[in-house]
Amino acid sequence: MLSGWSTTIDPIQLADKGARLAGTLPLKGMRRLMEMCADEQGSVSVDLQFERDPSNGLRAVHGRIDAHVELVCQRCMGRLTIELHSEPRLTLLRCGEREDLVEAGDALVIEQPIMLGDLVEDELLLEVPMVPMHAPDQCPAQRLIADNKPEKEATRANPFSILEKLKQTDR
C-alpha cells in the first residue's frame, strides 16, 4: 500500500521481493505537473508490480498509472480535463550493470533509493500532450470563429487577372 509521495523506495529490492505497490495519491505532491495544471484537485491511481524476469533474471517494474488533470486549452485558454494514462515497463539496473540496455534507453539505473512520487510523476509527464487543446468541435474558440464567419464571402476581383490577359496575347 502507498503511504505518500515522500515514500522512498528501493526498486531493486522491491523487484527481488516481487512486491506490488497499489493505491491512490493526491496530485498536490506533483510539483512539476502542477505547474501545468489549472488547479491542484484530483488524485493519481497507481498499481505497480516489481519483479524479476524468470527468463533473463533482469529486474523490472510494470503496471498502470492513471490521473485526471485540469489543463489550460491553448486554443481558447479555458479549462480542459485530460485523462493521463501510463503503462510503464522499465528494466531496473544497478549502476554498471548491462550497459547495452542503458545505452539503448530501455532501463532505469538505480544508484540509491528513489522517491515514489518522482517515478510516478515522470511517467505522467511523458503523457501530457505537448499542446493541450479541446477537440475542434468542442472548443469554445472554434465555435466562436465558426459563428462569426459570413455565409458567403463576396467575390473579389482577382488582382492578377490582367496577367492572364497578357499571357493569352501573342507577341
C-alpha atoms as a PDB file:
ATOM      1  CA  MET A   1       0.000   0.000   0.000  1.00  0.00           C
ATOM      2  CA  LEU A   2       1.147   3.553  -0.674  1.00  0.00           C
ATOM      3  CA  SER A   3       1.702   5.936   2.200  1.00  0.00           C
ATOM      4  CA  GLY A   4       2.562   9.178   0.377  1.00  0.00           C
ATOM      5  CA  TRP A   5       4.582  11.000  -2.241  1.00  0.00           C
ATOM      6  CA  SER A   6       7.587  11.262   0.012  1.00  0.00           C
ATOM      7  CA  THR A   7       7.802   7.495   0.311  1.00  0.00           C
ATOM      8  CA  THR A   8      11.335   6.395  -0.543  1.00  0.00           C
ATOM      9  CA  ILE A   9      11.589   3.049  -2.293  1.00  0.00           C
ATOM     10  CA  ASP A  10      14.386   0.804  -3.465  1.00  0.00           C
ATOM     11  CA  PRO A  11      13.031  -0.615  -6.757  1.00  0.00           C
ATOM     12  CA  ILE A  12      15.806  -3.235  -6.939  1.00  0.00           C
ATOM     13  CA  GLN A  13      14.904  -4.593  -3.507  1.00  0.00           C
ATOM     14  CA  LEU A  14      11.175  -4.475  -4.318  1.00  0.00           C
ATOM     15  CA  ALA A  15      11.801  -6.438  -7.530  1.00  0.00           C
ATOM     16  CA  ASP A  16      13.812  -9.061  -5.650  1.00  0.00           C
ATOM     17  CA  LYS A  17      10.858  -9.482  -3.254  1.00  0.00           C
ATOM     18  CA  GLY A  18       8.229  -9.441  -6.014  1.00  0.00           C
ATOM     19  CA  ALA A  19       6.405  -6.547  -4.319  1.00  0.00           C
ATOM     20  CA  ARG A  20       3.343  -4.719  -5.563  1.00  0.00           C
ATOM     21  CA  LEU A  21       2.514  -1.076  -4.776  1.00  0.00           C
ATOM     22  CA  ALA A  22      -1.085  -0.021  -5.282  1.00  0.00           C
ATOM     23  CA  GLY A  23      -3.115   2.909  -4.063  1.00  0.00           C
ATOM     24  CA  THR A  24      -4.154   6.486  -4.636  1.00  0.00           C
ATOM     25  CA  LEU A  25      -2.066   9.594  -4.107  1.00  0.00           C
ATOM     26  CA  PRO A  26      -3.086  13.295  -4.296  1.00  0.00           C
ATOM     27  CA  LEU A  27      -1.950  15.387  -7.270  1.00  0.00           C
ATOM     28  CA  LYS A  28      -0.757  18.118  -4.896  1.00  0.00           C
ATOM     29  CA  GLY A  29       2.508  16.266  -4.367  1.00  0.00           C
ATOM     30  CA  MET A  30       3.470  16.513  -8.044  1.00  0.00           C
ATOM     31  CA  ARG A  31       5.135  19.922  -8.210  1.00  0.00           C
ATOM     32  CA  ARG A  32       6.282  19.767 -11.862  1.00  0.00           C
ATOM     33  CA  LEU A  33       2.935  18.520 -13.154  1.00  0.00           C
ATOM     34  CA  MET A  34       1.037  21.059 -11.038  1.00  0.00           C
ATOM     35  CA  GLU A  35       2.871  23.898 -12.824  1.00  0.00           C
ATOM     36  CA  MET A  36       0.962  22.903 -15.985  1.00  0.00           C
ATOM     37  CA  CYS A  37      -2.412  22.384 -14.334  1.00  0.00           C
ATOM     38  CA  ALA A  38      -5.274  24.821 -13.815  1.00  0.00           C
ATOM     39  CA  ASP A  39      -5.830  23.537 -10.257  1.00  0.00           C
ATOM     40  CA  GLU A  40      -4.492  21.048  -7.733  1.00  0.00           C
ATOM     41  CA  GLN A  41      -7.590  18.894  -7.448  1.00  0.00           C
ATOM     42  CA  GLY A  42      -7.551  15.211  -8.196  1.00  0.00           C
ATOM     43  CA  SER A  43      -5.608  12.112  -7.442  1.00  0.00           C
ATOM     44  CA  VAL A  44      -3.367   9.567  -9.087  1.00  0.00           C
ATOM     45  CA  SER A  45      -4.183   5.877  -9.144  1.00  0.00           C
ATOM     46  CA  VAL A  46      -1.031   3.754  -9.003  1.00  0.00           C
ATOM     47  CA  ASP A  47      -0.636   0.000  -9.442  1.00  0.00           C
ATOM     48  CA  LEU A  48       2.977  -1.091  -9.917  1.00  0.00           C
ATOM     49  CA  GLN A  49       4.340  -4.634  -9.871  1.00  0.00           C
ATOM     50  CA  PHE A  50       8.064  -5.119  -9.208  1.00  0.00           C
ATOM     51  CA  GLU A  51       9.520  -8.477 -10.247  1.00  0.00           C
ATOM     52  CA  ARG A  52      12.397 -10.489 -11.652  1.00  0.00           C
ATOM     53  CA  ASP A  53      12.004 -11.807 -15.172  1.00  0.00           C
ATOM     54  CA  PRO A  54      12.440 -15.602 -14.916  1.00  0.00           C
ATOM     55  CA  SER A  55      13.799 -15.888 -18.459  1.00  0.00           C
ATOM     56  CA  ASN A  56      16.743 -13.491 -18.146  1.00  0.00           C
ATOM     57  CA  GLY A  57      16.915 -12.628 -14.435  1.00  0.00           C
ATOM     58  CA  LEU A  58      16.515  -8.896 -15.022  1.00  0.00           C
ATOM     59  CA  ARG A  59      14.516  -6.851 -12.552  1.00  0.00           C
ATOM     60  CA  ALA A  60      11.557  -4.905 -13.911  1.00  0.00           C
ATOM     61  CA  VAL A  61       8.597  -2.786 -12.927  1.00  0.00           C
ATOM     62  CA  HIS A  62       5.338  -2.618 -14.837  1.00  0.00           C
ATOM     63  CA  GLY A  63       1.792  -1.543 -14.154  1.00  0.00           C
ATOM     64  CA  ARG A  64      -0.706   1.285 -14.538  1.00  0.00           C
ATOM     65  CA  ILE A  65      -0.739   4.937 -13.554  1.00  0.00           C
ATOM     66  CA  ASP A  66      -3.915   6.967 -14.122  1.00  0.00           C
ATOM     67  CA  ALA A  67      -4.811  10.575 -13.340  1.00  0.00           C
ATOM     68  CA  HIS A  68      -7.393  13.176 -14.360  1.00  0.00           C
ATOM     69  CA  VAL A  69      -5.908  16.672 -14.585  1.00  0.00           C
ATOM     70  CA  GLU A  70      -7.274  20.118 -15.421  1.00  0.00           C
ATOM     71  CA  LEU A  71      -5.063  21.778 -18.027  1.00  0.00           C
ATOM     72  CA  VAL A  72      -5.480  25.034 -19.971  1.00  0.00           C
ATOM     73  CA  CYS A  73      -6.621  24.690 -23.591  1.00  0.00           C
ATOM     74  CA  GLN A  74      -4.092  26.532 -25.739  1.00  0.00           C
ATOM     75  CA  ARG A  75      -6.760  27.447 -28.290  1.00  0.00           C
ATOM     76  CA  CYS A  76      -9.421  29.039 -26.063  1.00  0.00           C
ATOM     77  CA  MET A  77      -7.482  29.368 -22.765  1.00  0.00           C
ATOM     78  CA  GLY A  78     -10.350  27.594 -20.981  1.00  0.00           C
ATOM     79  CA  ARG A  79     -10.187  24.577 -18.701  1.00  0.00           C
ATOM     80  CA  LEU A  80      -9.676  21.193 -20.246  1.00  0.00           C
ATOM     81  CA  THR A  81      -9.926  17.871 -18.416  1.00  0.00           C
ATOM     82  CA  ILE A  82      -7.422  15.325 -19.656  1.00  0.00           C
ATOM     83  CA  GLU A  83      -7.029  11.721 -18.588  1.00  0.00           C
ATOM     84  CA  LEU A  84      -3.391  10.756 -18.290  1.00  0.00           C
ATOM     85  CA  HIS A  85      -2.734   7.046 -18.585  1.00  0.00           C
ATOM     86  CA  SER A  86       0.635   5.342 -18.463  1.00  0.00           C
ATOM     87  CA  GLU A  87       1.583   1.683 -18.541  1.00  0.00           C
ATOM     88  CA  PRO A  88       5.259   1.816 -17.624  1.00  0.00           C
ATOM     89  CA  ARG A  89       7.514  -1.131 -18.298  1.00  0.00           C
ATOM     90  CA  LEU A  90      11.011  -0.405 -17.069  1.00  0.00           C
ATOM     91  CA  THR A  91      14.043  -2.630 -16.620  1.00  0.00           C
ATOM     92  CA  LEU A  92      15.750  -1.852 -13.312  1.00  0.00           C
ATOM     93  CA  LEU A  93      19.536  -1.949 -13.206  1.00  0.00           C
ATOM     94  CA  ARG A  94      22.247  -1.126 -10.714  1.00  0.00           C
ATOM     95  CA  CYS A  95      24.993   1.247 -11.820  1.00  0.00           C
ATOM     96  CA  GLY A  96      27.442  -0.528 -14.165  1.00  0.00           C
ATOM     97  CA  GLU A  97      25.078  -3.407 -14.912  1.00  0.00           C
ATOM     98  CA  ARG A  98      24.114  -4.229 -18.547  1.00  0.00           C
ATOM     99  CA  GLU A  99      25.482  -1.106 -20.263  1.00  0.00           C
ATOM    100  CA  ASP A 100      23.901  -2.250 -23.546  1.00  0.00           C
ATOM    101  CA  LEU A 101      20.412  -1.721 -22.110  1.00  0.00           C
ATOM    102  CA  VAL A 102      21.379   1.609 -20.552  1.00  0.00           C
ATOM    103  CA  GLU A 103      22.690   2.955 -23.862  1.00  0.00           C
ATOM    104  CA  ALA A 104      19.550   1.816 -25.680  1.00  0.00           C
ATOM    105  CA  GLY A 105      17.450   3.791 -23.201  1.00  0.00           C
ATOM    106  CA  ASP A 106      15.439   0.764 -22.150  1.00  0.00           C
ATOM    107  CA  ALA A 107      16.450   0.794 -18.498  1.00  0.00           C
ATOM    108  CA  LEU A 108      16.245   2.823 -15.309  1.00  0.00           C
ATOM    109  CA  VAL A 109      19.577   2.883 -13.462  1.00  0.00           C
ATOM    110  CA  ILE A 110      19.091   2.842  -9.693  1.00  0.00           C
ATOM    111  CA  GLU A 111      22.062   4.208  -7.719  1.00  0.00           C
ATOM    112  CA  GLN A 112      20.175   4.838  -4.471  1.00  0.00           C
ATOM    113  CA  PRO A 113      16.621   4.646  -3.169  1.00  0.00           C
ATOM    114  CA  ILE A 114      14.250   6.931  -5.103  1.00  0.00           C
ATOM    115  CA  MET A 115      11.095   8.851  -4.266  1.00  0.00           C
ATOM    116  CA  LEU A 116       7.987   7.006  -5.399  1.00  0.00           C
ATOM    117  CA  GLY A 117       6.340  10.303  -6.314  1.00  0.00           C
ATOM    118  CA  ASP A 118       9.167  11.243  -8.669  1.00  0.00           C
ATOM    119  CA  LEU A 119       8.883   7.938 -10.522  1.00  0.00           C
ATOM    120  CA  VAL A 120       5.110   8.300 -10.894  1.00  0.00           C
ATOM    121  CA  GLU A 121       5.335  11.984 -11.847  1.00  0.00           C
ATOM    122  CA  ASP A 122       7.967  11.290 -14.519  1.00  0.00           C
ATOM    123  CA  GLU A 123       5.697   8.706 -16.137  1.00  0.00           C
ATOM    124  CA  LEU A 124       2.699  11.080 -16.124  1.00  0.00           C
ATOM    125  CA  LEU A 125       4.719  13.992 -17.518  1.00  0.00           C
ATOM    126  CA  LEU A 126       5.520  11.828 -20.534  1.00  0.00           C
ATOM    127  CA  GLU A 127       1.770  11.506 -21.169  1.00  0.00           C
ATOM    128  CA  VAL A 128       0.873  15.226 -21.051  1.00  0.00           C
ATOM    129  CA  PRO A 129       0.071  16.475 -24.574  1.00  0.00           C
ATOM    130  CA  MET A 130       2.618  18.916 -25.959  1.00  0.00           C
ATOM    131  CA  VAL A 131      -0.167  21.388 -26.805  1.00  0.00           C
ATOM    132  CA  PRO A 132      -3.303  20.620 -24.781  1.00  0.00           C
ATOM    133  CA  MET A 133      -6.467  21.564 -26.678  1.00  0.00           C
ATOM    134  CA  HIS A 134     -10.144  20.686 -26.761  1.00  0.00           C
ATOM    135  CA  ALA A 135     -11.300  18.671 -29.746  1.00  0.00           C
ATOM    136  CA  PRO A 136     -12.113  21.169 -32.548  1.00  0.00           C
ATOM    137  CA  ASP A 137     -15.862  20.522 -32.342  1.00  0.00           C
ATOM    138  CA  GLN A 138     -15.820  21.002 -28.530  1.00  0.00           C
ATOM    139  CA  CYS A 139     -13.626  24.095 -28.240  1.00  0.00           C
ATOM    140  CA  PRO A 140     -15.499  27.333 -27.456  1.00  0.00           C
ATOM    141  CA  ALA A 141     -12.975  29.294 -29.548  1.00  0.00           C
ATOM    142  CA  GLN A 142     -13.657  27.177 -32.650  1.00  0.00           C
ATOM    143  CA  ARG A 143     -17.415  27.609 -32.229  1.00  0.00           C
ATOM    144  CA  LEU A 144     -16.971  31.372 -31.911  1.00  0.00           C
ATOM    145  CA  ILE A 145     -14.893  31.505 -35.094  1.00  0.00           C
ATOM    146  CA  ALA A 146     -17.436  29.356 -36.950  1.00  0.00           C
ATOM    147  CA  ASP A 147     -20.318  31.564 -35.760  1.00  0.00           C
ATOM    148  CA  ASN A 148     -18.616  34.754 -36.958  1.00  0.00           C
ATOM    149  CA  LYS A 149     -17.826  33.559 -40.482  1.00  0.00           C
ATOM    150  CA  PRO A 150     -20.002  35.194 -43.149  1.00  0.00           C
ATOM    151  CA  GLU A 151     -22.293  32.828 -45.017  1.00  0.00           C
ATOM    152  CA  LYS A 152     -20.884  33.760 -48.406  1.00  0.00           C
ATOM    153  CA  GLU A 153     -17.803  35.753 -48.934  1.00  0.00           C
ATOM    154  CA  ALA A 154     -18.128  38.426 -51.558  1.00  0.00           C
ATOM    155  CA  THR A 155     -16.384  37.518 -54.773  1.00  0.00           C
ATOM    156  CA  ARG A 156     -13.476  39.852 -55.206  1.00  0.00           C
ATOM    157  CA  ALA A 157     -11.757  40.619 -58.430  1.00  0.00           C
ATOM    158  CA  ASN A 158      -8.508  38.766 -58.861  1.00  0.00           C
ATOM    159  CA  PRO A 159      -5.699  41.347 -58.870  1.00  0.00           C
ATOM    160  CA  PHE A 160      -3.718  39.121 -61.240  1.00  0.00           C
ATOM    161  CA  SER A 161      -6.454  38.760 -63.855  1.00  0.00           C
ATOM    162  CA  ILE A 162      -4.697  41.321 -66.062  1.00  0.00           C
ATOM    163  CA  LEU A 163      -1.701  38.995 -66.230  1.00  0.00           C
ATOM    164  CA  GLU A 164      -3.977  36.251 -67.569  1.00  0.00           C
ATOM    165  CA  LYS A 165      -4.933  38.572 -70.453  1.00  0.00           C
ATOM    166  CA  LEU A 166      -1.279  39.379 -71.186  1.00  0.00           C
ATOM    167  CA  LYS A 167      -0.403  35.699 -71.177  1.00  0.00           C
ATOM    168  CA  GLN A 168      -3.053  34.920 -73.813  1.00  0.00           C
ATOM    169  CA  THR A 169      -1.984  37.614 -76.291  1.00  0.00           C
ATOM    170  CA  ASP A 170       0.547  36.647 -78.907  1.00  0.00           C
ATOM    171  CA  ARG A 171       3.609  38.780 -79.458  1.00  0.00           C
END
